[in-house]
N, C-alpha and C. Protein backbone atom coordinates (compact mmCIF):
# COMPACT_ATOMS: atom_id res chain seq x y z
N UNK A 1 104.25 97.34 97.48
CA UNK A 1 103.57 97.56 96.69
C UNK A 1 104.04 97.58 95.10
N UNK A 2 102.96 96.81 94.42
CA UNK A 2 104.04 96.70 92.98
C UNK A 2 103.27 97.84 92.15
N UNK A 3 103.87 98.65 91.13
CA UNK A 3 103.47 99.30 90.43
C UNK A 3 103.63 99.30 89.28
N UNK A 4 102.64 100.37 88.52
CA UNK A 4 102.57 100.02 87.11
C UNK A 4 103.63 100.99 86.43
N UNK A 5 104.61 101.94 87.22
CA UNK A 5 106.13 102.77 86.18
C UNK A 5 104.62 104.17 85.28
N UNK A 6 103.62 104.07 85.75
CA UNK A 6 102.98 105.52 84.84
C UNK A 6 102.93 106.33 85.88
N UNK A 7 103.86 106.64 87.38
CA UNK A 7 104.19 108.65 88.47
C UNK A 7 104.12 109.28 87.34
N UNK A 8 105.59 109.42 86.35
CA UNK A 8 105.64 109.97 86.21
C UNK A 8 104.88 110.40 84.74
N UNK A 9 104.42 109.66 84.70
CA UNK A 9 102.97 110.21 83.75
C UNK A 9 101.90 110.78 83.49
N UNK A 10 101.53 110.56 85.00
CA UNK A 10 100.15 111.18 85.45
C UNK A 10 100.75 112.54 86.64
N UNK A 11 101.88 112.38 87.11
CA UNK A 11 102.59 113.61 88.09
C UNK A 11 103.18 114.19 87.63
N UNK A 12 104.11 114.01 86.36
CA UNK A 12 105.30 114.85 86.33
C UNK A 12 104.21 115.66 85.03
N UNK A 13 105.78 116.48 85.22
CA UNK A 13 105.44 117.77 83.97
C UNK A 13 104.41 118.75 84.13
N UNK A 14 104.22 118.98 86.00
CA UNK A 14 103.91 119.68 85.83
C UNK A 14 101.81 119.66 85.79
N UNK A 15 101.35 118.54 86.08
CA UNK A 15 100.26 118.10 85.86
C UNK A 15 99.65 118.73 87.79
N UNK A 16 98.98 118.72 87.57
CA UNK A 16 98.17 119.18 88.97
C UNK A 16 96.43 118.17 89.46
N UNK A 17 96.21 117.77 90.71
CA UNK A 17 94.88 117.30 90.21
C UNK A 17 94.56 117.78 91.91
N UNK A 18 93.44 117.51 92.47
CA UNK A 18 92.75 117.55 93.90
C UNK A 18 91.55 116.45 93.87
N UNK A 19 92.10 115.97 95.48
CA UNK A 19 90.99 115.75 95.67
C UNK A 19 89.71 115.60 95.70
N UNK A 20 88.22 115.68 95.07
CA UNK A 20 87.22 115.20 94.68
C UNK A 20 86.14 114.89 95.76
N UNK A 21 86.40 116.38 96.47
CA UNK A 21 86.08 116.31 97.83
C UNK A 21 84.41 116.59 97.96
N UNK A 22 84.28 116.36 96.15
CA UNK A 22 82.40 117.18 96.57
C UNK A 22 81.60 115.60 96.31
N UNK A 23 82.27 114.86 95.66
CA UNK A 23 82.11 113.68 96.06
C UNK A 23 81.43 112.96 97.53
N UNK A 24 80.29 112.71 97.74
CA UNK A 24 80.52 111.68 98.91
C UNK A 24 78.39 111.81 98.60
N UNK A 25 78.33 110.31 98.97
CA UNK A 25 76.98 109.25 98.98
C UNK A 25 77.97 108.25 99.14
N UNK A 26 76.83 107.78 98.17
CA UNK A 26 76.14 105.75 97.80
C UNK A 26 76.20 105.52 95.91
N UNK A 27 77.75 105.38 95.81
CA UNK A 27 77.20 105.64 93.96
C UNK A 27 77.95 103.65 93.18
N UNK A 28 76.03 103.16 92.40
CA UNK A 28 76.42 101.64 92.49
C UNK A 28 77.21 101.73 90.58
N UNK A 29 78.59 101.28 91.00
CA UNK A 29 78.91 100.84 89.30
C UNK A 29 78.98 99.79 89.24
N UNK A 30 78.86 99.58 88.28
CA UNK A 30 78.51 97.78 87.65
C UNK A 30 78.39 97.08 88.85
N UNK A 31 77.21 97.16 89.03
CA UNK A 31 76.32 96.89 90.35
C UNK A 31 76.18 97.12 91.29
N UNK A 32 77.48 97.58 91.71
CA UNK A 32 78.80 97.21 93.67
C UNK A 32 78.43 99.04 93.56
N UNK A 33 78.29 98.81 95.15
CA UNK A 33 77.69 100.52 95.43
C UNK A 33 79.37 100.97 96.17
N UNK A 34 79.54 101.82 95.80
CA UNK A 34 81.25 102.55 96.74
C UNK A 34 80.62 103.35 97.37
N UNK A 35 80.72 103.74 98.55
CA UNK A 35 80.05 104.68 99.29
C UNK A 35 81.26 105.72 99.40
N UNK A 36 81.33 106.74 98.85
CA UNK A 36 81.87 108.17 98.84
C UNK A 36 82.28 109.24 100.20
N UNK A 37 82.99 109.45 100.77
CA UNK A 37 83.19 110.72 101.79
C UNK A 37 84.06 111.96 101.63
N UNK A 38 83.63 112.41 100.86
CA UNK A 38 84.54 113.17 100.81
C UNK A 38 85.09 112.86 99.24
N UNK A 39 85.57 112.65 98.53
CA UNK A 39 86.43 111.91 97.97
C UNK A 39 86.93 110.69 98.13
N UNK A 40 86.67 110.20 99.38
CA UNK A 40 87.66 109.08 99.30
C UNK A 40 86.80 107.60 99.31
N UNK A 41 86.43 106.46 99.62
CA UNK A 41 85.87 105.66 98.75
C UNK A 41 85.95 104.26 99.31
N UNK A 42 85.09 103.64 99.71
CA UNK A 42 85.44 101.91 99.93
C UNK A 42 84.13 101.40 99.61
N UNK A 43 84.62 100.60 98.70
CA UNK A 43 84.17 98.78 98.43
C UNK A 43 83.79 97.77 99.57
N UNK A 44 82.85 97.20 98.67
CA UNK A 44 82.30 95.91 99.90
C UNK A 44 83.48 94.39 99.72
N UNK A 45 83.25 94.24 100.63
CA UNK A 45 83.98 93.43 101.02
C UNK A 45 83.66 91.95 99.81
N UNK A 46 84.79 91.52 99.62
CA UNK A 46 84.77 91.26 98.05
C UNK A 46 84.36 91.52 96.72
N UNK A 47 84.60 92.63 97.11
CA UNK A 47 85.22 93.70 95.48
C UNK A 47 85.95 94.82 95.88
N UNK A 48 86.81 94.87 94.61
CA UNK A 48 88.19 95.45 94.09
C UNK A 48 88.09 96.50 93.02
N UNK A 49 89.10 97.36 93.21
CA UNK A 49 89.10 98.60 91.69
C UNK A 49 90.74 97.46 92.07
N UNK A 50 91.39 97.98 90.32
CA UNK A 50 92.71 97.97 90.51
C UNK A 50 92.88 99.78 90.10
N UNK A 51 94.21 100.59 90.70
CA UNK A 51 94.48 101.46 90.47
C UNK A 51 95.31 101.81 89.29
N UNK A 52 95.67 102.89 88.27
CA UNK A 52 96.44 102.89 87.12
C UNK A 52 97.66 102.88 87.97
N UNK A 53 98.22 102.98 88.81
CA UNK A 53 99.71 102.73 89.45
C UNK A 53 99.76 101.79 89.92
N UNK A 54 98.65 101.10 90.34
CA UNK A 54 99.51 99.44 91.01
C UNK A 54 98.62 98.51 90.40
N UNK A 55 99.37 97.69 90.36
CA UNK A 55 99.00 96.23 90.21
C UNK A 55 98.40 95.07 91.51
N UNK A 56 98.11 95.54 92.39
CA UNK A 56 97.32 95.73 93.38
C UNK A 56 95.68 95.45 93.29
N UNK A 57 95.67 94.81 93.87
CA UNK A 57 94.11 96.26 94.24
C UNK A 57 93.62 95.74 95.74
N UNK A 58 92.95 96.67 95.35
CA UNK A 58 92.50 97.48 97.04
C UNK A 58 90.90 98.04 96.92
N UNK A 59 90.61 98.53 98.47
CA UNK A 59 88.90 98.04 98.54
C UNK A 59 88.62 99.63 98.87
N UNK A 60 89.56 99.75 98.78
CA UNK A 60 89.38 101.76 99.65
C UNK A 60 90.20 102.84 98.80
N UNK A 61 89.84 103.54 98.50
CA UNK A 61 90.95 104.40 97.71
C UNK A 61 90.18 106.46 97.74
N UNK A 62 91.20 106.84 97.22
CA UNK A 62 90.31 108.50 96.88
C UNK A 62 90.45 108.83 95.43
N UNK A 63 89.54 109.56 94.86
CA UNK A 63 89.81 110.33 93.67
C UNK A 63 90.37 111.01 93.41
N UNK A 64 90.70 111.61 92.46
CA UNK A 64 91.69 112.60 92.16
C UNK A 64 90.62 112.74 90.64
N UNK A 65 90.86 114.88 90.60
CA UNK A 65 90.83 115.42 89.66
C UNK A 65 91.50 116.21 88.86
N UNK A 66 92.17 116.23 87.66
CA UNK A 66 92.86 116.73 87.36
C UNK A 66 92.68 118.35 87.21
N UNK A 67 93.18 119.18 87.61
CA UNK A 67 93.16 120.49 87.02
C UNK A 67 93.70 120.84 86.51
N UNK A 68 93.96 122.65 85.69
CA UNK A 68 94.73 123.56 84.94
C UNK A 68 95.91 123.66 86.62
N UNK A 69 96.34 123.91 85.81
CA UNK A 69 98.05 124.84 86.50
C UNK A 69 97.70 125.39 87.74
N UNK A 70 96.91 126.16 87.68
CA UNK A 70 96.38 127.24 88.55
C UNK A 70 95.32 126.77 90.14
N UNK A 71 94.46 125.46 89.45
CA UNK A 71 93.12 125.09 90.06
C UNK A 71 92.65 125.56 89.88
N UNK A 72 92.29 125.99 88.95
CA UNK A 72 90.68 126.52 88.99
C UNK A 72 90.38 126.45 88.01
N UNK A 73 90.52 125.51 87.45
CA UNK A 73 89.19 124.93 86.77
C UNK A 73 89.67 122.93 86.12
N UNK A 74 88.79 122.39 86.60
CA UNK A 74 88.81 120.95 86.30
C UNK A 74 89.11 120.74 84.89
N UNK A 75 89.60 119.81 84.37
CA UNK A 75 89.86 118.93 83.66
C UNK A 75 88.86 117.81 83.39
N UNK A 76 87.96 118.48 82.11
CA UNK A 76 86.39 117.40 82.19
C UNK A 76 87.00 115.79 81.70
N UNK A 77 86.17 114.79 82.44
CA UNK A 77 86.90 113.37 82.06
C UNK A 77 88.24 113.03 83.02
N UNK A 78 88.59 113.17 83.05
CA UNK A 78 90.20 113.30 84.21
C UNK A 78 89.87 112.27 85.59
N UNK A 79 89.19 112.15 85.59
CA UNK A 79 88.49 111.27 87.84
C UNK A 79 89.23 110.29 87.28
N UNK A 80 90.38 110.02 88.40
CA UNK A 80 90.89 108.54 88.20
C UNK A 80 90.61 107.88 90.06
N UNK A 81 90.97 106.97 90.36
CA UNK A 81 90.49 106.60 91.69
C UNK A 81 92.32 105.68 92.25
N UNK A 82 92.79 106.20 93.20
CA UNK A 82 93.98 105.72 93.47
C UNK A 82 94.35 105.33 95.10
N UNK A 83 94.72 104.45 95.54
CA UNK A 83 95.12 104.95 97.10
C UNK A 83 95.58 105.61 97.51
N UNK A 84 95.33 106.09 98.33
CA UNK A 84 95.94 106.77 100.30
C UNK A 84 97.44 107.14 99.73
N UNK A 85 98.31 106.19 99.55
CA UNK A 85 99.21 106.44 99.76
C UNK A 85 99.92 106.78 98.64
N UNK A 86 99.66 106.23 97.21
CA UNK A 86 99.58 107.17 96.17
C UNK A 86 99.56 108.87 96.21
N UNK A 87 98.05 108.96 97.16
CA UNK A 87 97.90 110.91 97.17
C UNK A 87 99.63 111.01 97.93
N UNK A 88 99.56 110.51 98.74
CA UNK A 88 100.84 111.16 99.50
C UNK A 88 102.01 111.10 98.91
N UNK A 89 102.75 110.14 98.01
CA UNK A 89 103.71 110.14 97.01
C UNK A 89 103.66 111.39 96.19
N UNK A 90 102.38 111.31 95.71
CA UNK A 90 102.12 112.28 94.35
C UNK A 90 102.19 113.72 95.04
N UNK A 91 101.99 114.15 96.45
CA UNK A 91 101.97 115.25 96.76
C UNK A 91 103.37 115.85 96.91
N UNK A 92 104.55 113.95 97.83
CA UNK A 92 105.65 114.89 98.30
C UNK A 92 106.48 114.37 96.77
N UNK A 93 106.65 113.73 96.20
CA UNK A 93 107.15 113.98 95.03
C UNK A 93 107.19 114.43 94.27
N UNK A 94 106.08 114.77 93.31
CA UNK A 94 105.85 115.47 92.61
C UNK A 94 105.34 116.53 93.03
N UNK A 95 104.81 117.14 94.42
CA UNK A 95 103.26 118.55 93.92
C UNK A 95 102.81 118.50 93.84
N UNK A 96 101.96 117.05 92.93
CA UNK A 96 101.13 117.22 92.10
C UNK A 96 99.71 117.63 92.44
N UNK A 97 99.21 117.55 94.01
CA UNK A 97 97.84 117.07 94.42
C UNK A 97 97.82 118.42 95.18
N UNK A 98 96.64 119.01 94.93
CA UNK A 98 96.45 120.33 96.19
C UNK A 98 96.10 119.98 97.14
């Protein structure tokens, strides 16, 4: 995976994130339907997204929402899409995803 070296910026310094599990259903963004299941999504064949963490394109990913330090409140406008491997790394290396 080719990375953009934004790991520390997004997940370091005590920043906390959670999977947006409340997001379920089909959302048409820019005319393409994305199917969400408890914060995880898949795009149709031929459509891809680019995460802030990678220069590679992907069709599947996870929607994260930044929270305050205790996890009791979401930070408005903080949603980002990343791959499953990124969530796993953010959990193990930074303890940043609830």
